[in-house]
Structure formats: C-alpha cells, structure tokens
Protein backbone atom coordinates (compact mmCIF):
# COMPACT_ATOMS: atom_id res chain seq x y z
CA MET A 1 8.07 -21.61 14.55
CA ASN A 2 5.05 -20.83 13.26
CA PHE A 3 3.30 -18.90 15.66
CA GLU A 4 2.44 -15.31 15.97
CA ALA A 5 2.26 -12.97 19.05
CA ILE A 6 -1.13 -10.38 18.66
CA PRO A 7 -1.62 -7.54 21.29
CA PHE A 8 -4.62 -7.80 23.35
CA LEU A 9 -6.38 -4.74 24.33
CA SER A 10 -8.49 -4.74 27.62
CA LEU A 11 -11.14 -2.04 27.64
CA ASN A 12 -13.58 -2.18 30.12
CA GLY A 13 -16.97 -1.68 28.51
CA ASN A 14 -15.34 0.34 25.60
CA ALA A 15 -14.43 -2.41 23.27
CA ALA A 16 -17.50 -2.22 20.39
CA ALA A 17 -17.15 1.49 20.39
CA ALA A 18 -12.79 0.54 20.24
CA ILE A 19 -13.92 -1.43 17.08
CA THR A 20 -15.83 1.10 14.86
CA PHE A 21 -13.32 3.43 15.53
CA TYR A 22 -10.40 1.27 14.26
CA GLU A 23 -12.78 0.35 11.19
CA LYS A 24 -12.94 3.97 10.28
CA TYR A 25 -10.11 5.51 11.17
CA LEU A 26 -7.60 3.01 10.26
CA GLY A 27 -9.72 0.40 7.77
CA ALA A 28 -10.01 -2.45 10.09
CA LYS A 29 -11.44 -5.57 8.89
CA VAL A 30 -13.08 -7.96 11.94
CA LEU A 31 -11.69 -11.25 10.85
CA PHE A 32 -13.71 -12.64 14.33
CA LYS A 33 -15.81 -10.93 16.73
CA LYS A 34 -18.16 -12.47 19.71
CA ASN A 35 -20.85 -10.14 22.27
CA TYR A 36 -21.69 -11.25 26.00
CA LYS A 37 -25.15 -12.01 24.14
CA GLU A 38 -23.74 -14.21 21.73
CA MET A 39 -21.60 -16.24 24.63
CA LYS A 40 -24.11 -16.86 26.48
CA GLU A 41 -26.17 -18.78 23.56
CA MET A 42 -22.87 -20.68 23.42
CA ASN A 43 -22.62 -20.89 27.06
CA PRO A 44 -25.95 -21.16 29.32
CA ASN A 45 -23.92 -21.21 32.43
CA PHE A 46 -21.95 -17.14 31.19
CA SER A 47 -23.27 -14.58 33.31
CA TYR A 48 -23.21 -10.79 32.84
CA GLU A 49 -24.57 -7.69 34.01
CA GLU A 50 -27.92 -6.47 32.93
CA GLY A 51 -27.53 -3.93 29.57
CA GLN A 52 -23.86 -5.30 28.35
CA ASP A 53 -24.91 -8.16 26.08
CA GLU A 54 -23.18 -6.08 22.71
CA TYR A 55 -20.54 -5.93 25.17
CA ILE A 56 -17.38 -8.18 23.36
CA THR A 57 -16.00 -10.82 25.06
CA HIS A 58 -13.35 -11.61 22.16
CA SER A 59 -12.56 -10.07 18.81
CA VAL A 60 -9.86 -10.10 16.35
CA LEU A 61 -9.10 -7.18 13.63
CA GLU A 62 -6.83 -7.27 11.16
CA ILE A 63 -4.96 -3.97 10.54
CA GLY A 64 -2.72 -3.44 7.97
CA ALA A 65 -0.45 -6.42 8.29
CA ASN A 66 -1.15 -7.70 12.03
CA LYS A 67 -4.00 -8.39 13.83
CA LEU A 68 -4.58 -6.99 16.89
CA MET A 69 -7.99 -8.46 19.66
CA ILE A 70 -10.29 -6.33 21.97
CA ALA A 71 -12.81 -7.04 24.73
CA GLU A 72 -13.73 -6.33 27.60
CA GLU A 73 -12.23 -8.08 30.68
CA GLU A 74 -8.96 -7.60 32.48
CA MET A 75 -6.52 -10.42 31.93
CA ASP A 76 -4.82 -9.61 34.83
CA THR A 77 -7.78 -10.41 37.35
CA THR A 78 -5.86 -10.26 40.43
CA ARG A 79 -5.68 -6.60 39.60
CA PRO A 80 -8.05 -4.17 38.93
CA TRP A 81 -8.49 -2.78 35.23
CA GLN A 82 -6.33 0.18 35.02
CA LEU A 83 -5.72 2.30 31.38
CA GLY A 84 -1.78 2.54 31.65
CA ASN A 85 1.03 4.33 30.60
CA SER A 86 3.01 1.05 29.60
CA PHE A 87 1.73 -0.18 26.51
CA SER A 88 1.33 1.65 22.57
CA LEU A 89 0.09 0.38 19.40
CA CYS A 90 3.59 0.91 16.70
CA ILE A 91 1.60 1.20 13.02
CA GLN A 92 5.09 1.04 10.62
CA SER A 93 4.94 1.40 7.46
CA LYS A 94 8.48 2.14 5.01
CA ASP A 95 5.39 4.14 2.51
CA LYS A 96 4.50 7.80 3.80
CA SER A 97 2.09 8.33 2.49
CA VAL A 98 0.40 5.21 4.08
CA ILE A 99 1.84 6.66 7.55
CA HIS A 100 0.98 10.41 6.46
CA HIS A 101 -3.11 9.59 5.61
CA LEU A 102 -3.72 6.99 8.64
CA TYR A 103 -2.83 10.40 10.62
CA GLU A 104 -4.87 12.32 8.86
CA SER A 105 -7.30 10.29 9.33
CA LEU A 106 -6.95 9.80 12.95
CA VAL A 107 -7.06 13.04 13.97
CA GLN A 108 -9.91 13.79 12.23
CA HIS A 109 -11.75 12.27 15.47
CA GLU A 110 -12.45 15.27 18.15
CA LYS A 111 -11.45 12.97 20.53
CA VAL A 112 -8.09 11.88 19.32
CA THR A 113 -5.30 13.71 21.36
CA VAL A 114 -2.37 14.70 19.39
CA LEU A 115 0.69 13.56 21.92
CA LEU A 116 3.59 14.21 19.03
CA PRO A 117 2.20 15.76 15.56
CA PHE A 118 3.39 14.47 12.49
CA GLU A 119 6.99 15.70 11.42
CA GLU A 120 10.43 14.08 10.61
CA ASN A 121 12.98 12.76 12.77
CA VAL A 122 16.75 11.46 14.10
CA PHE A 123 14.97 8.04 13.46
CA SER A 124 11.74 8.53 10.45
CA PRO A 125 11.17 10.06 7.59
CA GLY A 126 7.58 10.89 9.67
CA TYR A 127 6.45 10.26 12.95
CA ALA A 128 3.63 11.50 15.13
CA ILE A 129 2.20 9.91 18.60
CA ILE A 130 -1.87 10.15 19.15
CA ARG A 131 -3.68 8.63 21.50
CA ASP A 132 -7.31 7.48 20.47
CA PRO A 133 -10.66 8.11 22.97
CA PHE A 134 -10.06 4.79 24.23
CA GLY A 135 -6.76 5.69 25.80
CA ILE A 136 -4.48 3.49 23.74
CA VAL A 137 -1.39 5.87 22.86
CA ILE A 138 -0.12 4.79 18.79
CA GLN A 139 2.68 5.58 17.24
CA LEU A 140 2.57 6.82 13.43
CA CYS A 141 6.16 5.35 12.12
CA VAL A 142 7.81 5.54 8.72
CA THR A 143 10.79 2.72 9.50
CA VAL A 144 13.59 2.12 6.68
CA HIS A 145 14.38 -0.99 8.23
CA ASP A 146 13.01 -3.75 6.58
CA PHE A 147 12.07 -6.01 9.72
C-alpha cells in the first residue's frame, strides 16, 4: 500500500505564525501554502471575515523526512475549536546531535515552554518535551530503534 498519514494542526488564526516559527526553528520547508485571499480568488463563493486575508486555508510543510499540514479551521465543526492535551508531535532521530540542535534552536524562542529538559532517560540517550508558542507539544527524542 502506498499512502501516508500526515498530522494536521488546526490553529485558529495562528497558522501563518506557526509556519514561520517551524521554518525558523525546525528548518521546515513549505511545500504548499494557500491563504484566504488566494482561496477567494479561486472560489468566489469562499467567504471570510474582514482582516483574515492572510489566514491559512491549507499548507503542507516538510520537517525532516516527514510532512505536517497546518490550517486555521477545526476539522470537527460540530465542536468549538479547543487546543487539547491529546496530541503532540514527536521528532526523532538516531543522531543525538540533530535532536540536541533542534532542542537548542526551539528553546531560543521566548514563548517556548520547556516541559522536560533535554536529558538521557531509560528509553533514550536524549529526550525533551517543549510546548511551542501555539500550544503544540513537541517531543524531541533520540531513538535507539530502526523504525
């Protein structure tokens, strides 16, 4: 089977800032990005509130060997948008220097919260957890596995 599962973040007005953050601090490459103004040009029936021209309707980033999608809107429109504690990103590599470098890069940002500092533990030679300025929890893990 040839398919991929890609995490999708709905950031309720913070998507553009999050994309910029991930580019700067994680070296993300933007593969695709469409804002509300561009969407309206493609589809005259697309509507949005004044001042939201630069809101992101869809984006695809490449971070390391993986993809991440980011937009503004929640996917479950039957519930109000809410940042939850049931999702995190896990960035892993066998190369401890790569993970340590990403950790050091992320913690330079004044609005990043260190939830667990980078250190060795029973399952990893280097592991940390941070919360980014948009409330997304990111695990940074030096893996010892081949998966």
